Protein backbone atom coordinates (compact mmCIF):
# COMPACT_ATOMS: atom_id res chain seq x y z
CA MET A 1 -23.95 -87.08 191.06
CA THR A 2 -21.84 -83.97 191.40
CA GLY A 3 -18.15 -83.90 193.38
CA THR A 4 -15.02 -81.70 193.31
CA SER A 5 -13.29 -84.72 190.73
CA PRO A 6 -14.16 -84.46 187.35
CA GLY A 7 -16.67 -86.53 185.72
CA THR A 8 -15.90 -89.22 182.72
CA VAL A 9 -16.80 -88.31 179.40
CA TYR A 10 -17.31 -91.84 177.02
CA LEU A 11 -16.76 -91.40 173.51
CA VAL A 12 -19.60 -93.88 172.60
CA GLY A 13 -20.36 -95.70 169.44
CA ALA A 14 -24.20 -95.69 168.79
CA GLY A 15 -23.77 -98.36 165.95
CA PRO A 16 -25.83 -97.82 162.66
CA GLY A 17 -29.32 -96.65 163.63
CA ASP A 18 -30.73 -100.51 165.13
CA PRO A 19 -31.74 -100.51 168.12
CA GLU A 20 -30.36 -104.25 168.66
CA LEU A 21 -26.88 -103.52 167.13
CA LEU A 22 -26.51 -101.24 170.32
CA THR A 23 -23.38 -102.77 172.42
CA LEU A 24 -24.41 -103.99 176.12
CA LYS A 25 -21.59 -101.33 177.11
CA ALA A 26 -23.25 -98.88 175.43
CA ALA A 27 -26.43 -99.30 177.05
CA ARG A 28 -25.05 -99.67 180.23
CA LEU A 29 -23.82 -96.23 179.70
CA LEU A 30 -26.38 -94.39 178.21
CA GLY A 31 -28.28 -95.78 181.34
CA ALA A 32 -25.75 -94.32 183.95
CA ALA A 33 -24.64 -91.34 182.07
CA ASP A 34 -26.00 -87.73 183.19
CA VAL A 35 -25.35 -85.93 180.25
CA VAL A 36 -25.90 -87.53 176.59
CA LEU A 37 -24.82 -85.19 173.92
CA HIS A 38 -25.90 -86.76 170.90
CA ASP A 39 -25.86 -86.66 166.89
CA ASP A 40 -28.19 -85.33 165.08
CA LEU A 41 -29.00 -89.58 163.87
CA VAL A 42 -29.28 -91.44 166.68
CA PRO A 43 -32.95 -92.58 166.83
CA PRO A 44 -35.10 -92.65 169.54
CA ALA A 45 -35.51 -95.75 170.57
CA ILE A 46 -31.05 -95.79 171.73
CA LEU A 47 -31.98 -92.61 173.56
CA GLY A 48 -34.45 -93.85 175.10
CA HIS A 49 -31.79 -96.03 177.64
CA ALA A 50 -31.11 -92.62 179.01
CA ALA A 51 -33.91 -92.23 180.66
CA SER A 52 -32.76 -90.38 183.77
CA ALA A 53 -30.39 -88.27 181.84
CA ILE A 54 -30.04 -84.93 180.28
CA VAL A 55 -29.90 -85.47 176.46
CA ILE A 56 -29.11 -83.04 174.37
CA ASN A 57 -29.05 -83.01 170.21
CA VAL A 58 -25.53 -81.36 169.18
CA GLY A 59 -25.66 -83.08 165.24
CA LYS A 60 -24.79 -81.25 162.45
CA ARG A 61 -26.28 -82.88 159.44
CA CYS A 62 -26.25 -82.20 155.67
CA GLY A 63 -24.40 -78.74 155.96
CA ARG A 64 -26.65 -77.60 158.73
CA LYS A 65 -24.86 -76.46 162.19
CA ASN A 66 -26.46 -75.99 164.98
CA ILE A 67 -23.68 -76.31 167.00
CA SER A 68 -20.07 -75.64 166.75
CA GLN A 69 -17.42 -77.95 167.11
CA GLU A 70 -15.93 -75.70 169.52
CA GLN A 71 -19.38 -75.46 171.78
CA ILE A 72 -19.26 -79.44 171.75
CA ASP A 73 -16.27 -79.41 172.99
CA ALA A 74 -16.85 -76.80 176.05
CA MET A 75 -19.94 -78.51 176.77
CA MET A 76 -18.66 -81.92 177.46
CA VAL A 77 -15.86 -80.38 180.22
CA ASP A 78 -18.59 -78.12 180.96
CA TYR A 79 -20.49 -81.25 182.30
CA ALA A 80 -16.92 -83.37 183.26
CA ARG A 81 -15.78 -80.91 185.51
CA ARG A 82 -19.27 -80.65 187.47
CA GLY A 83 -18.60 -84.55 188.79
CA LEU A 84 -21.04 -85.51 186.35
CA SER A 85 -21.23 -88.58 183.97
CA VAL A 86 -21.22 -87.61 180.04
CA VAL A 87 -21.67 -89.56 176.77
CA ARG A 88 -20.87 -87.72 173.53
CA LEU A 89 -22.97 -90.76 171.35
CA LYS A 90 -21.60 -90.57 167.99
CA SER A 91 -23.61 -92.28 164.71
CA GLY A 92 -21.44 -95.50 163.95
CA ASP A 93 -18.38 -95.65 165.62
CA PRO A 94 -16.66 -92.68 166.72
CA LEU A 95 -13.48 -93.55 165.79
CA VAL A 96 -14.43 -93.42 161.99
CA PHE A 97 -15.28 -90.38 159.75
CA GLY A 98 -16.09 -88.66 162.62
CA ARG A 99 -14.69 -85.82 165.02
CA ALA A 100 -13.36 -87.57 168.11
CA GLY A 101 -9.62 -86.73 167.50
CA GLU A 102 -11.02 -82.98 168.19
CA GLU A 103 -12.43 -83.73 170.99
CA MET A 104 -10.28 -86.41 173.19
CA ASP A 105 -7.46 -82.86 172.46
CA ALA A 106 -10.34 -80.74 173.97
CA LEU A 107 -10.82 -83.50 176.48
CA ARG A 108 -6.85 -83.55 177.09
CA ALA A 109 -6.58 -80.02 176.61
CA ALA A 110 -8.55 -79.41 179.63
CA GLY A 111 -7.75 -82.29 182.04
CA ILE A 112 -11.00 -84.67 181.68
CA PRO A 113 -10.85 -88.17 181.53
CA PHE A 114 -12.11 -89.83 178.64
CA GLU A 115 -13.21 -94.09 177.60
CA VAL A 116 -13.55 -94.79 173.60
CA VAL A 117 -16.45 -97.22 172.98
CA PRO A 118 -17.11 -98.71 169.45
CA GLY A 119 -19.43 -99.29 167.76
CA ILE A 120 -20.73 -101.12 164.44
CA THR A 121 -19.53 -98.39 162.19
CA ALA A 122 -21.95 -98.04 158.66
CA ALA A 123 -19.48 -100.25 156.07
CA PHE A 124 -20.21 -103.12 158.36
CA ALA A 125 -23.83 -103.12 158.78
CA ALA A 126 -24.11 -101.92 154.89
CA ALA A 127 -22.05 -105.68 153.92
CA ALA A 128 -24.09 -107.80 156.32
CA ALA A 129 -27.67 -105.89 155.09
CA LEU A 130 -26.40 -106.92 151.39
CA ARG A 131 -24.81 -110.53 153.17
CA ARG A 132 -21.78 -109.64 151.29
CA PRO A 133 -18.04 -110.54 152.36
CA LEU A 134 -16.00 -107.19 152.33
CA THR A 135 -12.83 -109.55 152.37
CA ASP A 136 -13.16 -112.87 150.34
CA ARG A 137 -10.13 -114.66 149.53
CA ARG A 138 -11.30 -115.48 145.89
CA THR A 139 -12.09 -111.28 145.57
CA ALA A 140 -10.89 -109.07 147.98
CA SER A 141 -7.75 -109.21 150.55
CA SER A 142 -8.19 -105.40 151.56
CA ILE A 143 -11.08 -103.16 152.36
CA SER A 144 -9.91 -99.19 151.78
CA PHE A 145 -11.71 -96.96 154.00
CA SER A 146 -12.24 -93.12 152.40
CA SER A 147 -15.12 -90.25 152.60
CA GLY A 148 -16.67 -88.27 150.61
CA HIS A 149 -15.46 -85.06 152.80
CA HIS A 150 -11.83 -85.11 152.01
CA ALA A 151 -9.14 -82.89 155.00
CA PRO A 152 -7.54 -79.85 154.34
CA GLY A 153 -4.52 -81.45 152.19
CA SER A 154 -5.50 -84.57 151.84
CA SER A 155 -5.30 -86.23 148.90
CA LEU A 156 -8.50 -86.58 146.38
CA GLU A 157 -7.65 -89.91 144.91
CA PRO A 158 -8.39 -93.16 146.88
CA ALA A 159 -6.00 -95.98 148.36
CA SER A 160 -4.57 -97.83 145.31
CA LEU A 161 -5.07 -101.27 146.40
CA ALA A 162 -4.91 -103.77 143.85
CA GLY A 163 -8.27 -106.22 145.08
CA ALA A 164 -9.93 -103.81 147.57
CA THR A 165 -12.89 -103.25 148.09
CA ARG A 166 -13.41 -99.41 148.37
CA VAL A 167 -16.11 -98.16 150.81
CA VAL A 168 -16.78 -95.03 150.61
CA TYR A 169 -18.12 -93.32 153.54
CA MET A 170 -20.58 -89.99 152.31
CA PRO A 171 -20.41 -90.14 148.85
CA GLY A 172 -22.53 -87.18 148.82
CA ARG A 173 -25.84 -87.19 146.12
CA ASP A 174 -24.14 -86.98 143.55
CA LEU A 175 -21.81 -90.04 142.66
CA SER A 176 -20.13 -88.45 139.53
CA SER A 177 -16.86 -87.49 140.87
CA THR A 178 -16.41 -90.67 142.76
CA ALA A 179 -17.18 -92.80 140.17
CA ALA A 180 -14.46 -90.38 138.05
CA GLN A 181 -11.67 -91.58 141.31
CA LEU A 182 -12.30 -94.72 140.78
CA ARG A 183 -12.12 -94.40 137.05
CA ARG A 184 -8.78 -92.53 137.27
CA GLU A 185 -7.61 -95.79 138.90
CA GLY A 186 -8.05 -97.85 135.65
CA LEU A 187 -10.87 -100.20 137.33
CA PRO A 188 -13.22 -101.78 134.67
CA ALA A 189 -16.61 -100.30 133.70
CA ASP A 190 -18.24 -103.91 135.06
CA LEU A 191 -16.80 -102.91 138.38
CA PRO A 192 -20.12 -103.94 141.10
CA CYS A 193 -21.18 -100.94 142.64
CA VAL A 194 -23.51 -101.33 145.80
CA VAL A 195 -24.97 -97.76 147.46
CA VAL A 196 -26.96 -98.53 150.79
CA SER A 197 -29.21 -95.69 151.83
CA ARG A 198 -29.59 -96.09 155.93
CA ALA A 199 -27.89 -98.93 156.81
CA ALA A 200 -29.70 -101.46 159.15
CA GLN A 201 -32.76 -98.70 159.64
CA PRO A 202 -35.83 -99.78 158.57
CA ASP A 203 -36.58 -97.69 155.43
CA GLN A 204 -33.26 -98.34 153.97
CA GLN A 205 -32.78 -98.70 150.91
CA ILE A 206 -29.96 -100.47 148.16
CA VAL A 207 -29.14 -99.83 145.08
CA ARG A 208 -26.76 -102.24 143.41
CA THR A 209 -24.85 -101.20 140.21
CA THR A 210 -21.17 -100.90 137.80
CA LEU A 211 -18.67 -98.50 137.95
CA ALA A 212 -20.09 -97.63 134.85
CA GLN A 213 -23.64 -96.71 135.65
CA LEU A 214 -22.47 -95.02 139.16
CA ASP A 215 -22.29 -91.61 138.06
CA GLY A 216 -26.62 -92.49 137.16
CA ILE A 217 -27.92 -92.91 140.11
CA ALA A 218 -30.78 -91.02 141.46
CA PRO A 219 -29.93 -89.17 145.28
CA LEU A 220 -31.06 -91.18 147.69
CA PRO A 221 -31.70 -90.89 151.33
CA ALA A 222 -28.60 -89.92 154.15
CA PRO A 223 -26.96 -91.26 155.11
CA SER A 224 -25.69 -92.94 152.20
CA ILE A 225 -22.08 -95.60 151.79
CA LEU A 226 -20.68 -96.83 149.16
CA LEU A 227 -18.91 -100.33 148.31
CA ALA A 228 -17.43 -101.07 145.28
CA GLY A 229 -15.35 -103.95 144.39
CA GLU A 230 -15.71 -107.88 143.31
CA ALA A 231 -16.18 -109.13 146.96
CA MET A 232 -19.99 -107.36 146.02
CA ARG A 233 -20.14 -109.30 142.30
CA GLU A 234 -23.52 -112.27 142.63
CA ALA A 235 -25.46 -113.84 140.36
CA GLN A 236 -29.18 -112.16 139.36
CA ALA A 237 -30.85 -114.54 141.80
CA ASP A 238 -29.34 -114.21 144.54
CA ALA A 239 -29.78 -110.53 144.72
CA LEU A 240 -34.19 -111.14 143.43
CA ALA A 241 -33.89 -113.99 146.60
CA GLU A 242 -31.83 -111.20 148.71
CA LEU A 243 -34.51 -108.55 147.92
CA THR A 244 -37.27 -110.74 148.57
CA ASP A 245 -36.06 -112.47 152.24
CA PHE A 246 -35.38 -108.77 153.54
CA ALA A 247 -38.59 -107.31 152.73
CA LEU A 248 -40.03 -110.10 154.52
CA HIS A 249 -38.00 -109.83 157.84
CA GLN A 250 -39.43 -106.15 157.64
CA ALA A 251 -42.81 -106.88 157.54
CA GLU A 252 -42.76 -109.39 161.00
CA GLU A 253 -40.29 -106.45 162.65
CA GLN A 254 -41.52 -103.64 164.88
CA PRO A 255 -40.72 -100.65 162.98
CA TYR A 256 -38.77 -98.43 165.42
CA PRO A 257 -39.11 -94.23 165.21
CA SER A 258 -36.06 -92.65 162.72
CA ALA A 259 -34.20 -89.68 164.30
CA LEU A 260 -35.77 -86.48 162.65
């Protein structure tokens, strides 16, 4: 419904891709939205909640930019000024390694009211898939989040945190750079490393290795995430049982369509 006062823009986290991991608030806002501007990786099963909305893909994926960030900002402002309810639907959590900061700045500058709705970020989905803790009082008392894509002027080195579980978003297809950074920290060659591709989705893949062999992993489908640290260490028998359980679970579940 249009009106004289601006509508609200909701920066909503779609989670890692499993529709059952979408929050109740996110589902409610999608159902009430007039316009949904979504990332490339949001699957159709989640977009299905926006049955009565105009749904527009504004994704920028794997270097392909069909639309600029400035255009996305302008679309949010324009639709909201028409009095429409706008959901800017982002993969994972809106505030973790996305461009929500730029979008909030644009909305503030235009005087458009907005709200942020958290989503389950990929690190939590990957840890759940592994059934391993990100923190453990015996081995890991902190977590370090970093990105394989560095902001201009930022340090290329990850935070040096003794005993921390390292979580690297978007580590890239070639893991040699990330492996070299971790080695420069003085981390041991046998440090457990796990790469999870498309966490919490039907085609999820998990590769376990060590820091010494990390740069030899073959490229996995995007998006992927790297978890490294003692909290990821497990017995070989546990790993085999976990993979068997996951395969049985996937066979029982009805697959949902993946994003194009």
